[in-house]
PDB file of N, CA and C in Angstrom:
ATOM      1  N   MET A   1     105.455 122.806  94.053  1.00  0.00           N
ATOM      2  CA  MET A   1     105.561 121.407  93.662  1.00  0.00           C
ATOM      3  C   MET A   1     104.492 120.602  94.407  1.00  0.00           C
ATOM      4  N   LYS A   2     103.722 119.850  93.669  1.00  0.00           N
ATOM      5  CA  LYS A   2     102.663 119.047  94.262  1.00  0.00           C
ATOM      6  C   LYS A   2     103.255 117.778  94.875  1.00  0.00           C
ATOM      7  N   LYS A   3     102.887 117.535  96.128  1.00  0.00           N
ATOM      8  CA  LYS A   3     103.370 116.341  96.813  1.00  0.00           C
ATOM      9  C   LYS A   3     102.579 115.121  96.339  1.00  0.00           C
ATOM     10  N   LYS A   4     103.289 114.051  96.037  1.00  0.00           N
ATOM     11  CA  LYS A   4     102.634 112.820  95.591  1.00  0.00           C
ATOM     12  C   LYS A   4     102.127 112.046  96.806  1.00  0.00           C
ATOM     13  N   ASN A   5     100.955 111.495  96.666  1.00  0.00           N
ATOM     14  CA  ASN A   5     100.375 110.694  97.736  1.00  0.00           C
ATOM     15  C   ASN A   5     100.840 109.250  97.633  1.00  0.00           C
ATOM     16  N   ASN A   6     100.831 108.586  98.769  1.00  0.00           N
ATOM     17  CA  ASN A   6     101.116 107.160  98.836  1.00  0.00           C
ATOM     18  C   ASN A   6      99.940 106.459  99.491  1.00  0.00           C
ATOM     19  N   TYR A   7      99.811 105.181  99.245  1.00  0.00           N
ATOM     20  CA  TYR A   7      98.913 104.358 100.035  1.00  0.00           C
ATOM     21  C   TYR A   7      99.766 103.246 100.626  1.00  0.00           C
ATOM     22  N   ASN A   8      99.314 102.693 101.728  1.00  0.00           N
ATOM     23  CA  ASN A   8     100.097 101.693 102.445  1.00  0.00           C
ATOM     24  C   ASN A   8      99.337 100.379 102.505  1.00  0.00           C
ATOM     25  N   ILE A   9     100.084  99.308 102.385  1.00  0.00           N
ATOM     26  CA  ILE A   9      99.518  97.982 102.626  1.00  0.00           C
ATOM     27  C   ILE A   9     100.415  97.285 103.637  1.00  0.00           C
ATOM     28  N   PHE A  10      99.857  96.312 104.331  1.00  0.00           N
ATOM     29  CA  PHE A  10     100.682  95.563 105.277  1.00  0.00           C
ATOM     30  C   PHE A  10     100.241  94.113 105.332  1.00  0.00           C
ATOM     31  N   ILE A  11     101.184  93.297 105.744  1.00  0.00           N
ATOM     32  CA  ILE A  11     100.946  91.880 106.012  1.00  0.00           C
ATOM     33  C   ILE A  11     101.431  91.668 107.434  1.00  0.00           C
ATOM     34  N   LYS A  12     100.561  91.191 108.294  1.00  0.00           N
ATOM     35  CA  LYS A  12     100.897  91.037 109.709  1.00  0.00           C
ATOM     36  C   LYS A  12     100.789  89.573 110.120  1.00  0.00           C
ATOM     37  N   GLY A  13     101.881  89.060 110.678  1.00  0.00           N
ATOM     38  CA  GLY A  13     101.849  87.736 111.282  1.00  0.00           C
ATOM     39  C   GLY A  13     101.817  86.561 110.323  1.00  0.00           C
ATOM     40  N   LEU A  14     102.380  86.719 109.135  1.00  0.00           N
ATOM     41  CA  LEU A  14     102.464  85.603 108.190  1.00  0.00           C
ATOM     42  C   LEU A  14     103.504  84.612 108.717  1.00  0.00           C
ATOM     43  N   VAL A  15     103.090  83.392 109.013  1.00  0.00           N
ATOM     44  CA  VAL A  15     104.007  82.377 109.540  1.00  0.00           C
ATOM     45  C   VAL A  15     104.201  81.294 108.484  1.00  0.00           C
ATOM     46  N   LEU A  16     105.467  81.103 108.112  1.00  0.00           N
ATOM     47  CA  LEU A  16     105.857  80.084 107.141  1.00  0.00           C
ATOM     48  C   LEU A  16     107.049  79.324 107.694  1.00  0.00           C
ATOM     49  N   LYS A  17     107.344  78.187 107.090  1.00  0.00           N
ATOM     50  CA  LYS A  17     108.528  77.417 107.483  1.00  0.00           C
ATOM     51  C   LYS A  17     109.614  77.611 106.443  1.00  0.00           C
ATOM     52  N   ALA A  18     110.857  77.695 106.939  1.00  0.00           N
ATOM     53  CA  ALA A  18     111.979  77.944 106.031  1.00  0.00           C
ATOM     54  C   ALA A  18     113.248  77.313 106.576  1.00  0.00           C
ATOM     55  N   TYR A  19     114.157  77.018 105.641  1.00  0.00           N
ATOM     56  CA  TYR A  19     115.506  76.609 106.018  1.00  0.00           C
ATOM     57  C   TYR A  19     116.303  77.887 106.229  1.00  0.00           C
ATOM     58  N   ILE A  20     116.575  78.224 107.494  1.00  0.00           N
ATOM     59  CA  ILE A  20     117.253  79.482 107.803  1.00  0.00           C
ATOM     60  C   ILE A  20     118.197  79.278 108.986  1.00  0.00           C
ATOM     61  N   GLY A  21     119.423  79.736 108.842  1.00  0.00           N
ATOM     62  CA  GLY A  21     120.357  79.686 109.960  1.00  0.00           C
ATOM     63  C   GLY A  21     121.720  79.185 109.553  1.00  0.00           C
ATOM     64  N   ILE A  22     122.666  79.382 110.466  1.00  0.00           N
ATOM     65  CA  ILE A  22     124.057  79.020 110.186  1.00  0.00           C
ATOM     66  C   ILE A  22     124.466  77.681 110.789  1.00  0.00           C
ATOM     67  N   TYR A  23     123.646  77.140 111.686  1.00  0.00           N
ATOM     68  CA  TYR A  23     124.004  75.878 112.333  1.00  0.00           C
ATOM     69  C   TYR A  23     123.563  74.684 111.487  1.00  0.00           C
ATOM     70  N   SER A  24     124.267  73.570 111.649  1.00  0.00           N
ATOM     71  CA  SER A  24     124.025  72.405 110.790  1.00  0.00           C
ATOM     72  C   SER A  24     122.582  71.907 110.869  1.00  0.00           C
ATOM     73  N   ASP A  25     121.987  71.886 112.066  1.00  0.00           N
ATOM     74  CA  ASP A  25     120.600  71.412 112.167  1.00  0.00           C
ATOM     75  C   ASP A  25     119.619  72.382 111.505  1.00  0.00           C
ATOM     76  N   GLU A  26     119.982  73.662 111.413  1.00  0.00           N
ATOM     77  CA  GLU A  26     119.117  74.641 110.750  1.00  0.00           C
ATOM     78  C   GLU A  26     119.141  74.475 109.229  1.00  0.00           C
ATOM     79  N   LYS A  27     120.171  73.830 108.740  1.00  0.00           N
ATOM     80  CA  LYS A  27     120.287  73.616 107.299  1.00  0.00           C
ATOM     81  C   LYS A  27     119.426  72.448 106.816  1.00  0.00           C
ATOM     82  N   ILE A  28     119.042  71.561 107.753  1.00  0.00           N
ATOM     83  CA  ILE A  28     118.264  70.381 107.361  1.00  0.00           C
ATOM     84  C   ILE A  28     116.854  70.349 107.962  1.00  0.00           C
ATOM     85  N   ASN A  29     116.580  71.257 108.902  1.00  0.00           N
ATOM     86  CA  ASN A  29     115.258  71.316 109.531  1.00  0.00           C
ATOM     87  C   ASN A  29     114.638  72.695 109.321  1.00  0.00           C
ATOM     88  N   LYS A  30     113.433  72.698 108.798  1.00  0.00           N
ATOM     89  CA  LYS A  30     112.741  73.975 108.617  1.00  0.00           C
ATOM     90  C   LYS A  30     112.335  74.543 109.978  1.00  0.00           C
ATOM     91  N   GLN A  31     112.305  75.877 110.034  1.00  0.00           N
ATOM     92  CA  GLN A  31     111.894  76.583 111.244  1.00  0.00           C
ATOM     93  C   GLN A  31     110.694  77.468 110.937  1.00  0.00           C
ATOM     94  N   ARG A  32     109.902  77.716 111.977  1.00  0.00           N
ATOM     95  CA  ARG A  32     108.790  78.659 111.820  1.00  0.00           C
ATOM     96  C   ARG A  32     109.340  80.081 111.837  1.00  0.00           C
ATOM     97  N   ILE A  33     108.944  80.846 110.830  1.00  0.00           N
ATOM     98  CA  ILE A  33     109.385  82.229 110.676  1.00  0.00           C
ATOM     99  C   ILE A  33     108.133  83.098 110.548  1.00  0.00           C
ATOM    100  N   ARG A  34     108.119  84.214 111.287  1.00  0.00           N
ATOM    101  CA  ARG A  34     106.987  85.148 111.182  1.00  0.00           C
ATOM    102  C   ARG A  34     107.428  86.391 110.417  1.00  0.00           C
ATOM    103  N   PHE A  35     106.592  86.788 109.461  1.00  0.00           N
ATOM    104  CA  PHE A  35     106.870  87.950 108.619  1.00  0.00           C
ATOM    105  C   PHE A  35     105.836  89.038 108.887  1.00  0.00           C
ATOM    106  N   ASN A  36     106.324  90.251 109.027  1.00  0.00           N
ATOM    107  CA  ASN A  36     105.484  91.443 109.053  1.00  0.00           C
ATOM    108  C   ASN A  36     106.059  92.383 108.006  1.00  0.00           C
ATOM    109  N   VAL A  37     105.212  92.791 107.079  1.00  0.00           N
ATOM    110  CA  VAL A  37     105.675  93.607 105.954  1.00  0.00           C
ATOM    111  C   VAL A  37     104.793  94.851 105.863  1.00  0.00           C
ATOM    112  N   PHE A  38     105.433  95.987 105.693  1.00  0.00           N
ATOM    113  CA  PHE A  38     104.749  97.261 105.479  1.00  0.00           C
ATOM    114  C   PHE A  38     105.268  97.835 104.174  1.00  0.00           C
ATOM    115  N   ILE A  39     104.354  98.218 103.298  1.00  0.00           N
ATOM    116  CA  ILE A  39     104.737  98.761 101.991  1.00  0.00           C
ATOM    117  C   ILE A  39     104.040 100.097 101.773  1.00  0.00           C
ATOM    118  N   SER A  40     104.812 101.058 101.324  1.00  0.00           N
ATOM    119  CA  SER A  40     104.270 102.336 100.881  1.00  0.00           C
ATOM    120  C   SER A  40     104.374 102.357  99.358  1.00  0.00           C
ATOM    121  N   ALA A  41     103.235 102.611  98.715  1.00  0.00           N
ATOM    122  CA  ALA A  41     103.182 102.563  97.252  1.00  0.00           C
ATOM    123  C   ALA A  41     102.668 103.885  96.696  1.00  0.00           C
ATOM    124  N   LYS A  42     103.085 104.172  95.490  1.00  0.00           N
ATOM    125  CA  LYS A  42     102.672 105.404  94.816  1.00  0.00           C
ATOM    126  C   LYS A  42     101.174 105.365  94.528  1.00  0.00           C
ATOM    127  N   ASP A  43     100.518 106.417  94.936  1.00  0.00           N
ATOM    128  CA  ASP A  43      99.066 106.499  94.771  1.00  0.00           C
ATOM    129  C   ASP A  43      98.737 107.482  93.656  1.00  0.00           C
ATOM    130  N   ASN A  44      98.996 107.073  92.431  1.00  0.00           N
ATOM    131  CA  ASN A  44      98.712 107.931  91.279  1.00  0.00           C
ATOM    132  C   ASN A  44      97.795 107.213  90.290  1.00  0.00           C
ATOM    133  N   ILE A  45      96.826 106.503  90.841  1.00  0.00           N
ATOM    134  CA  ILE A  45      95.926 105.718  90.016  1.00  0.00           C
ATOM    135  C   ILE A  45      94.482 106.154  90.219  1.00  0.00           C
ATOM    136  N   LYS A  46      93.680 105.891  89.228  1.00  0.00           N
ATOM    137  CA  LYS A  46      92.265 106.231  89.300  1.00  0.00           C
ATOM    138  C   LYS A  46      91.515 105.066  89.930  1.00  0.00           C
ATOM    139  N   LYS A  47      91.047 105.284  91.126  1.00  0.00           N
ATOM    140  CA  LYS A  47      90.413 104.209  91.882  1.00  0.00           C
ATOM    141  C   LYS A  47      89.022 103.847  91.384  1.00  0.00           C
ATOM    142  N   GLU A  48      88.386 104.758  90.680  1.00  0.00           N
ATOM    143  CA  GLU A  48      87.007 104.487  90.272  1.00  0.00           C
ATOM    144  C   GLU A  48      86.883 103.318  89.301  1.00  0.00           C
ATOM    145  N   ASN A  49      87.969 102.930  88.646  1.00  0.00           N
ATOM    146  CA  ASN A  49      87.856 101.791  87.729  1.00  0.00           C
ATOM    147  C   ASN A  49      88.101 100.451  88.429  1.00  0.00           C
ATOM    148  N   ASN A  50      88.544 100.474  89.676  1.00  0.00           N
ATOM    149  CA  ASN A  50      88.725  99.268  90.489  1.00  0.00           C
ATOM    150  C   ASN A  50      89.582  98.202  89.815  1.00  0.00           C
ATOM    151  N   ASP A  51      90.575  98.611  89.081  1.00  0.00           N
ATOM    152  CA  ASP A  51      91.470  97.684  88.392  1.00  0.00           C
ATOM    153  C   ASP A  51      92.596  97.282  89.340  1.00  0.00           C
ATOM    154  N   ILE A  52      92.526  96.076  89.863  1.00  0.00           N
ATOM    155  CA  ILE A  52      93.488  95.598  90.857  1.00  0.00           C
ATOM    156  C   ILE A  52      94.918  95.603  90.328  1.00  0.00           C
ATOM    157  N   SER A  53      95.090  95.485  89.026  1.00  0.00           N
ATOM    158  CA  SER A  53      96.446  95.456  88.466  1.00  0.00           C
ATOM    159  C   SER A  53      97.174  96.790  88.643  1.00  0.00           C
ATOM    160  N   GLN A  54      96.434  97.847  88.952  1.00  0.00           N
ATOM    161  CA  GLN A  54      97.063  99.146  89.186  1.00  0.00           C
ATOM    162  C   GLN A  54      97.636  99.267  90.596  1.00  0.00           C
ATOM    163  N   PHE A  55      97.251  98.373  91.476  1.00  0.00           N
ATOM    164  CA  PHE A  55      97.650  98.443  92.876  1.00  0.00           C
ATOM    165  C   PHE A  55      98.722  97.406  93.193  1.00  0.00           C
ATOM    166  N   VAL A  56      99.398  97.598  94.316  1.00  0.00           N
ATOM    167  CA  VAL A  56     100.291  96.574  94.852  1.00  0.00           C
ATOM    168  C   VAL A  56      99.404  95.593  95.614  1.00  0.00           C
ATOM    169  N   SER A  57      99.492  94.341  95.261  1.00  0.00           N
ATOM    170  CA  SER A  57      98.650  93.308  95.861  1.00  0.00           C
ATOM    171  C   SER A  57      99.401  92.589  96.974  1.00  0.00           C
ATOM    172  N   TYR A  58      98.755  92.445  98.136  1.00  0.00           N
ATOM    173  CA  TYR A  58      99.420  91.690  99.201  1.00  0.00           C
ATOM    174  C   TYR A  58      99.571  90.230  98.825  1.00  0.00           C
ATOM    175  N   GLU A  59      98.697  89.723  97.976  1.00  0.00           N
ATOM    176  CA  GLU A  59      98.865  88.344  97.502  1.00  0.00           C
ATOM    177  C   GLU A  59     100.175  88.200  96.725  1.00  0.00           C
ATOM    178  N   ASP A  60     100.484  89.183  95.884  1.00  0.00           N
ATOM    179  CA  ASP A  60     101.753  89.162  95.146  1.00  0.00           C
ATOM    180  C   ASP A  60     102.944  89.215  96.096  1.00  0.00           C
ATOM    181  N   VAL A  61     102.840  90.034  97.135  1.00  0.00           N
ATOM    182  CA  VAL A  61     103.938  90.150  98.108  1.00  0.00           C
ATOM    183  C   VAL A  61     104.146  88.814  98.817  1.00  0.00           C
ATOM    184  N   ILE A  62     103.067  88.184  99.252  1.00  0.00           N
ATOM    185  CA  ILE A  62     103.178  86.875  99.912  1.00  0.00           C
ATOM    186  C   ILE A  62     103.787  85.852  98.957  1.00  0.00           C
ATOM    187  N   ASN A  63     103.387  85.872  97.703  1.00  0.00           N
ATOM    188  CA  ASN A  63     103.960  84.945  96.723  1.00  0.00           C
ATOM    189  C   ASN A  63     105.450  85.195  96.513  1.00  0.00           C
ATOM    190  N   LYS A  64     105.882  86.447  96.583  1.00  0.00           N
ATOM    191  CA  LYS A  64     107.311  86.759  96.456  1.00  0.00           C
ATOM    192  C   LYS A  64     108.085  86.232  97.667  1.00  0.00           C
ATOM    193  N   ILE A  65     107.501  86.339  98.858  1.00  0.00           N
ATOM    194  CA  ILE A  65     108.133  85.778 100.057  1.00  0.00           C
ATOM    195  C   ILE A  65     108.281  84.270  99.889  1.00  0.00           C
ATOM    196  N   LYS A  66     107.217  83.610  99.470  1.00  0.00           N
ATOM    197  CA  LYS A  66     107.252  82.155  99.272  1.00  0.00           C
ATOM    198  C   LYS A  66     108.263  81.768  98.197  1.00  0.00           C
ATOM    199  N   LYS A  67     108.396  82.587  97.164  1.00  0.00           N
ATOM    200  CA  LYS A  67     109.374  82.319  96.105  1.00  0.00           C
ATOM    201  C   LYS A  67     110.789  82.328  96.674  1.00  0.00           C
ATOM    202  N   VAL A  68     111.106  83.330  97.487  1.00  0.00           N
ATOM    203  CA  VAL A  68     112.441  83.406  98.099  1.00  0.00           C
ATOM    204  C   VAL A  68     112.682  82.190  98.990  1.00  0.00           C
ATOM    205  N   LEU A  69     111.692  81.798  99.775  1.00  0.00           N
ATOM    206  CA  LEU A  69     111.855  80.642 100.661  1.00  0.00           C
ATOM    207  C   LEU A  69     112.027  79.347  99.874  1.00  0.00           C
ATOM    208  N   SER A  70     111.423  79.268  98.706  1.00  0.00           N
ATOM    209  CA  SER A  70     111.496  78.049  97.893  1.00  0.00           C
ATOM    210  C   SER A  70     112.883  77.833  97.285  1.00  0.00           C
ATOM    211  N   LEU A  71     113.723  78.849  97.319  1.00  0.00           N
ATOM    212  CA  LEU A  71     115.064  78.733  96.732  1.00  0.00           C
ATOM    213  C   LEU A  71     116.009  77.890  97.581  1.00  0.00           C
ATOM    214  N   GLY A  72     115.592  77.525  98.794  1.00  0.00           N
ATOM    215  CA  GLY A  72     116.410  76.670  99.643  1.00  0.00           C
ATOM    216  C   GLY A  72     116.981  77.407 100.838  1.00  0.00           C
ATOM    217  N   HIS A  73     117.986  76.795 101.446  1.00  0.00           N
ATOM    218  CA  HIS A  73     118.577  77.312 102.682  1.00  0.00           C
ATOM    219  C   HIS A  73     119.156  78.713 102.506  1.00  0.00           C
ATOM    220  N   ILE A  74     118.879  79.565 103.488  1.00  0.00           N
ATOM    221  CA  ILE A  74     119.446  80.915 103.549  1.00  0.00           C
ATOM    222  C   ILE A  74     120.125  81.038 104.909  1.00  0.00           C
ATOM    223  N   PRO A  75     121.401  81.435 104.945  1.00  0.00           N
ATOM    224  CA  PRO A  75     122.123  81.462 106.218  1.00  0.00           C
ATOM    225  C   PRO A  75     121.610  82.489 107.234  1.00  0.00           C
ATOM    226  N   LEU A  76     121.245  83.683 106.784  1.00  0.00           N
ATOM    227  CA  LEU A  76     120.930  84.767 107.717  1.00  0.00           C
ATOM    228  C   LEU A  76     119.566  85.392 107.428  1.00  0.00           C
ATOM    229  N   LEU A  77     118.897  85.830 108.491  1.00  0.00           N
ATOM    230  CA  LEU A  77     117.642  86.559 108.320  1.00  0.00           C
ATOM    231  C   LEU A  77     117.848  87.831 107.508  1.00  0.00           C
ATOM    232  N   GLU A  78     118.995  88.479 107.705  1.00  0.00           N
ATOM    233  CA  GLU A  78     119.299  89.704 106.963  1.00  0.00           C
ATOM    234  C   GLU A  78     119.330  89.441 105.460  1.00  0.00           C
ATOM    235  N   THR A  79     119.927  88.322 105.075  1.00  0.00           N
ATOM    236  CA  THR A  79     119.982  87.942 103.662  1.00  0.00           C
ATOM    237  C   THR A  79     118.582  87.656 103.133  1.00  0.00           C
ATOM    238  N   MET A  80     117.799  86.943 103.930  1.00  0.00           N
ATOM    239  CA  MET A  80     116.424  86.631 103.539  1.00  0.00           C
ATOM    240  C   MET A  80     115.624  87.917 103.330  1.00  0.00           C
ATOM    241  N   ALA A  81     115.732  88.839 104.261  1.00  0.00           N
ATOM    242  CA  ALA A  81     114.995  90.101 104.163  1.00  0.00           C
ATOM    243  C   ALA A  81     115.420  90.891 102.933  1.00  0.00           C
ATOM    244  N   ASP A  82     116.720  90.941 102.668  1.00  0.00           N
ATOM    245  CA  ASP A  82     117.211  91.660 101.485  1.00  0.00           C
ATOM    246  C   ASP A  82     116.685  91.042 100.192  1.00  0.00           C
ATOM    247  N   LYS A  83     116.663  89.710 100.131  1.00  0.00           N
ATOM    248  CA  LYS A  83     116.163  89.039  98.922  1.00  0.00           C
ATOM    249  C   LYS A  83     114.675  89.330  98.710  1.00  0.00           C
ATOM    250  N   ILE A  84     113.920  89.317  99.794  1.00  0.00           N
ATOM    251  CA  ILE A  84     112.488  89.613  99.698  1.00  0.00           C
ATOM    252  C   ILE A  84     112.284  91.064  99.265  1.00  0.00           C
ATOM    253  N   ALA A  85     113.043  91.974  99.865  1.00  0.00           N
ATOM    254  CA  ALA A  85     112.937  93.393  99.488  1.00  0.00           C
ATOM    255  C   ALA A  85     113.280  93.587  98.017  1.00  0.00           C
ATOM    256  N   ASP A  86     114.359  92.951  97.567  1.00  0.00           N
ATOM    257  CA  ASP A  86     114.757  93.070  96.156  1.00  0.00           C
ATOM    258  C   ASP A  86     113.648  92.585  95.225  1.00  0.00           C
ATOM    259  N   GLU A  87     113.030  91.451  95.568  1.00  0.00           N
ATOM    260  CA  GLU A  87     111.929  90.917  94.750  1.00  0.00           C
ATOM    261  C   GLU A  87     110.757  91.894  94.711  1.00  0.00           C
ATOM    262  N   CYS A  88     110.396  92.417  95.875  1.00  0.00           N
ATOM    263  CA  CYS A  88     109.242  93.319  95.944  1.00  0.00           C
ATOM    264  C   CYS A  88     109.510  94.638  95.240  1.00  0.00           C
ATOM    265  N   LEU A  89     110.723  95.162  95.367  1.00  0.00           N
ATOM    266  CA  LEU A  89     111.047  96.460  94.775  1.00  0.00           C
ATOM    267  C   LEU A  89     111.183  96.409  93.250  1.00  0.00           C
ATOM    268  N   LYS A  90     111.086  95.215  92.669  1.00  0.00           N
ATOM    269  CA  LYS A  90     111.006  95.125  91.205  1.00  0.00           C
ATOM    270  C   LYS A  90     109.724  95.789  90.715  1.00  0.00           C
ATOM    271  N   ASN A  91     108.735  95.840  91.594  1.00  0.00           N
ATOM    272  CA  ASN A  91     107.492  96.546  91.294  1.00  0.00           C
ATOM    273  C   ASN A  91     107.749  98.032  91.551  1.00  0.00           C
ATOM    274  N   LYS A  92     107.811  98.817  90.506  1.00  0.00           N
ATOM    275  CA  LYS A  92     108.172 100.239  90.611  1.00  0.00           C
ATOM    276  C   LYS A  92     107.098 101.073  91.301  1.00  0.00           C
ATOM    277  N   LYS A  93     105.926 100.501  91.539  1.00  0.00           N
ATOM    278  CA  LYS A  93     104.895 101.217  92.296  1.00  0.00           C
ATOM    279  C   LYS A  93     105.272 101.323  93.772  1.00  0.00           C
ATOM    280  N   ILE A  94     106.131 100.409  94.239  1.00  0.00           N
ATOM    281  CA  ILE A  94     106.533 100.399  95.646  1.00  0.00           C
ATOM    282  C   ILE A  94     107.640 101.424  95.849  1.00  0.00           C
ATOM    283  N   SER A  95     107.413 102.351  96.777  1.00  0.00           N
ATOM    284  CA  SER A  95     108.442 103.356  97.065  1.00  0.00           C
ATOM    285  C   SER A  95     109.262 102.994  98.300  1.00  0.00           C
ATOM    286  N   LEU A  96     108.674 102.239  99.224  1.00  0.00           N
ATOM    287  CA  LEU A  96     109.375 101.866 100.453  1.00  0.00           C
ATOM    288  C   LEU A  96     108.818 100.550 100.960  1.00  0.00           C
ATOM    289  N   ILE A  97     109.704  99.728 101.531  1.00  0.00           N
ATOM    290  CA  ILE A  97     109.274  98.472 102.145  1.00  0.00           C
ATOM    291  C   ILE A  97     109.994  98.294 103.475  1.00  0.00           C
ATOM    292  N   LYS A  98     109.236  97.889 104.481  1.00  0.00           N
ATOM    293  CA  LYS A  98     109.789  97.530 105.790  1.00  0.00           C
ATOM    294  C   LYS A  98     109.466  96.061 106.003  1.00  0.00           C
ATOM    295  N   ILE A  99     110.478  95.303 106.342  1.00  0.00           N
ATOM    296  CA  ILE A  99     110.289  93.868 106.552  1.00  0.00           C
ATOM    297  C   ILE A  99     110.835  93.501 107.926  1.00  0.00           C
ATOM    298  N   ARG A 100     109.996  92.859 108.707  1.00  0.00           N
ATOM    299  CA  ARG A 100     110.410  92.335 110.013  1.00  0.00           C
ATOM    300  C   ARG A 100     110.270  90.822 109.936  1.00  0.00           C
ATOM    301  N   ILE A 101     111.356  90.123 110.248  1.00  0.00           N
ATOM    302  CA  ILE A 101     111.348  88.661 110.210  1.00  0.00           C
ATOM    303  C   ILE A 101     111.777  88.152 111.581  1.00  0.00           C
ATOM    304  N   GLU A 102     111.020  87.178 112.097  1.00  0.00           N
ATOM    305  CA  GLU A 102     111.304  86.622 113.414  1.00  0.00           C
ATOM    306  C   GLU A 102     111.400  85.100 113.353  1.00  0.00           C
ATOM    307  N   LYS A 103     112.404  84.557 114.012  1.00  0.00           N
ATOM    308  CA  LYS A 103     112.465  83.119 114.270  1.00  0.00           C
ATOM    309  C   LYS A 103     111.668  82.884 115.549  1.00  0.00           C
ATOM    310  N   LEU A 104     110.739  81.945 115.504  1.00  0.00           N
ATOM    311  CA  LEU A 104     109.804  81.778 116.615  1.00  0.00           C
ATOM    312  C   LEU A 104     110.204  80.718 117.632  1.00  0.00           C
ATOM    313  N   ASP A 105     111.075  79.812 117.281  1.00  0.00           N
ATOM    314  CA  ASP A 105     111.338  78.665 118.156  1.00  0.00           C
ATOM    315  C   ASP A 105     112.803  78.537 118.562  1.00  0.00           C
ATOM    316  N   ILE A 106     113.508  79.657 118.691  1.00  0.00           N
ATOM    317  CA  ILE A 106     114.937  79.597 118.987  1.00  0.00           C
ATOM    318  C   ILE A 106     115.213  79.480 120.483  1.00  0.00           C
ATOM    319  N   PHE A 107     114.619  80.363 121.277  1.00  0.00           N
ATOM    320  CA  PHE A 107     114.834  80.353 122.726  1.00  0.00           C
ATOM    321  C   PHE A 107     113.510  80.110 123.425  1.00  0.00           C
ATOM    322  N   LYS A 108     113.505  79.167 124.365  1.00  0.00           N
ATOM    323  CA  LYS A 108     112.244  78.855 125.036  1.00  0.00           C
ATOM    324  C   LYS A 108     111.767  79.992 125.934  1.00  0.00           C
ATOM    325  N   ASP A 109     112.677  80.876 126.341  1.00  0.00           N
ATOM    326  CA  ASP A 109     112.274  81.983 127.206  1.00  0.00           C
ATOM    327  C   ASP A 109     112.106  83.304 126.450  1.00  0.00           C
ATOM    328  N   ALA A 110     112.073  83.243 125.121  1.00  0.00           N
ATOM    329  CA  ALA A 110     111.804  84.431 124.299  1.00  0.00           C
ATOM    330  C   ALA A 110     110.749  84.077 123.254  1.00  0.00           C
ATOM    331  N   GLU A 111     109.803  84.959 123.069  1.00  0.00           N
ATOM    332  CA  GLU A 111     108.765  84.726 122.058  1.00  0.00           C
ATOM    333  C   GLU A 111     109.366  84.607 120.668  1.00  0.00           C
ATOM    334  N   SER A 112     110.355  85.467 120.388  1.00  0.00           N
ATOM    335  CA  SER A 112     110.987  85.439 119.071  1.00  0.00           C
ATOM    336  C   SER A 112     112.280  86.241 119.100  1.00  0.00           C
ATOM    337  N   VAL A 113     113.085  86.012 118.070  1.00  0.00           N
ATOM    338  CA  VAL A 113     114.273  86.834 117.803  1.00  0.00           C
ATOM    339  C   VAL A 113     114.229  87.169 116.322  1.00  0.00           C
ATOM    340  N   GLY A 114     114.780  88.314 115.954  1.00  0.00           N
ATOM    341  CA  GLY A 114     114.697  88.637 114.540  1.00  0.00           C
ATOM    342  C   GLY A 114     115.343  89.941 114.151  1.00  0.00           C
ATOM    343  N   ILE A 115     114.977  90.387 112.965  1.00  0.00           N
ATOM    344  CA  ILE A 115     115.549  91.602 112.386  1.00  0.00           C
ATOM    345  C   ILE A 115     114.451  92.404 111.694  1.00  0.00           C
ATOM    346  N   LYS A 116     114.791  93.655 111.417  1.00  0.00           N
ATOM    347  CA  LYS A 116     113.897  94.524 110.650  1.00  0.00           C
ATOM    348  C   LYS A 116     114.756  95.343 109.703  1.00  0.00           C
ATOM    349  N   ILE A 117     114.318  95.426 108.447  1.00  0.00           N
ATOM    350  CA  ILE A 117     115.030  96.259 107.477  1.00  0.00           C
ATOM    351  C   ILE A 117     114.052  97.244 106.842  1.00  0.00           C
ATOM    352  N   ILE A 118     114.600  98.314 106.335  1.00  0.00           N
ATOM    353  CA  ILE A 118     113.838  99.301 105.574  1.00  0.00           C
ATOM    354  C   ILE A 118     114.603  99.551 104.284  1.00  0.00           C
ATOM    355  N   ARG A 119     113.915  99.426 103.162  1.00  0.00           N
ATOM    356  CA  ARG A 119     114.541  99.661 101.859  1.00  0.00           C
ATOM    357  C   ARG A 119     113.656 100.592 101.037  1.00  0.00           C
ATOM    358  N   LYS A 120     114.296 101.441 100.251  1.00  0.00           N
ATOM    359  CA  LYS A 120     113.579 102.372  99.379  1.00  0.00           C
ATOM    360  C   LYS A 120     113.853 102.030  97.922  1.00  0.00           C
ATOM    361  N   GLN A 121     112.922 102.431  97.094  1.00  0.00           N
ATOM    362  CA  GLN A 121     113.085 102.270  95.650  1.00  0.00           C
ATOM    363  C   GLN A 121     114.266 103.121  95.191  1.00  0.00           C
ATOM    364  N   LYS A 122     115.127 102.544  94.375  1.00  0.00           N
ATOM    365  CA  LYS A 122     116.237 103.318  93.813  1.00  0.00           C
ATOM    366  C   LYS A 122     115.684 104.263  92.765  1.00  0.00           C
ATOM    367  N   LYS A 123     116.204 105.466  92.743  1.00  0.00           N
ATOM    368  CA  LYS A 123     115.701 106.480  91.795  1.00  0.00           C
ATOM    369  C   LYS A 123     116.342 106.349  90.451  1.00  0.00           C
TER     370      LYS A 123
END
């Protein structure tokens, strides 16, 4: 059986503002959130034609993150990460996604707090 190759893309240090958290002030004040995303995608395309539509685009991934944030307040980082993963995994070229999300301004003595999830394409 021939093993299928993957290619990887990543987004490092994307900082956006979002309504995130369970406390009342977090529901009305946006916070700085840092995103790091790693995607493994199926590499079964002919690269010599340079057709970007055959690849997973990091611009599309960033737009999907912004789309989720535009929906309004989200109580938990875990929920936010799951929604972003669900949006990205609609692209069947993606076989795996790792998302790390950090709140940057929560504790003055910590650079950040956050979560990391890993999701795979359903077969």
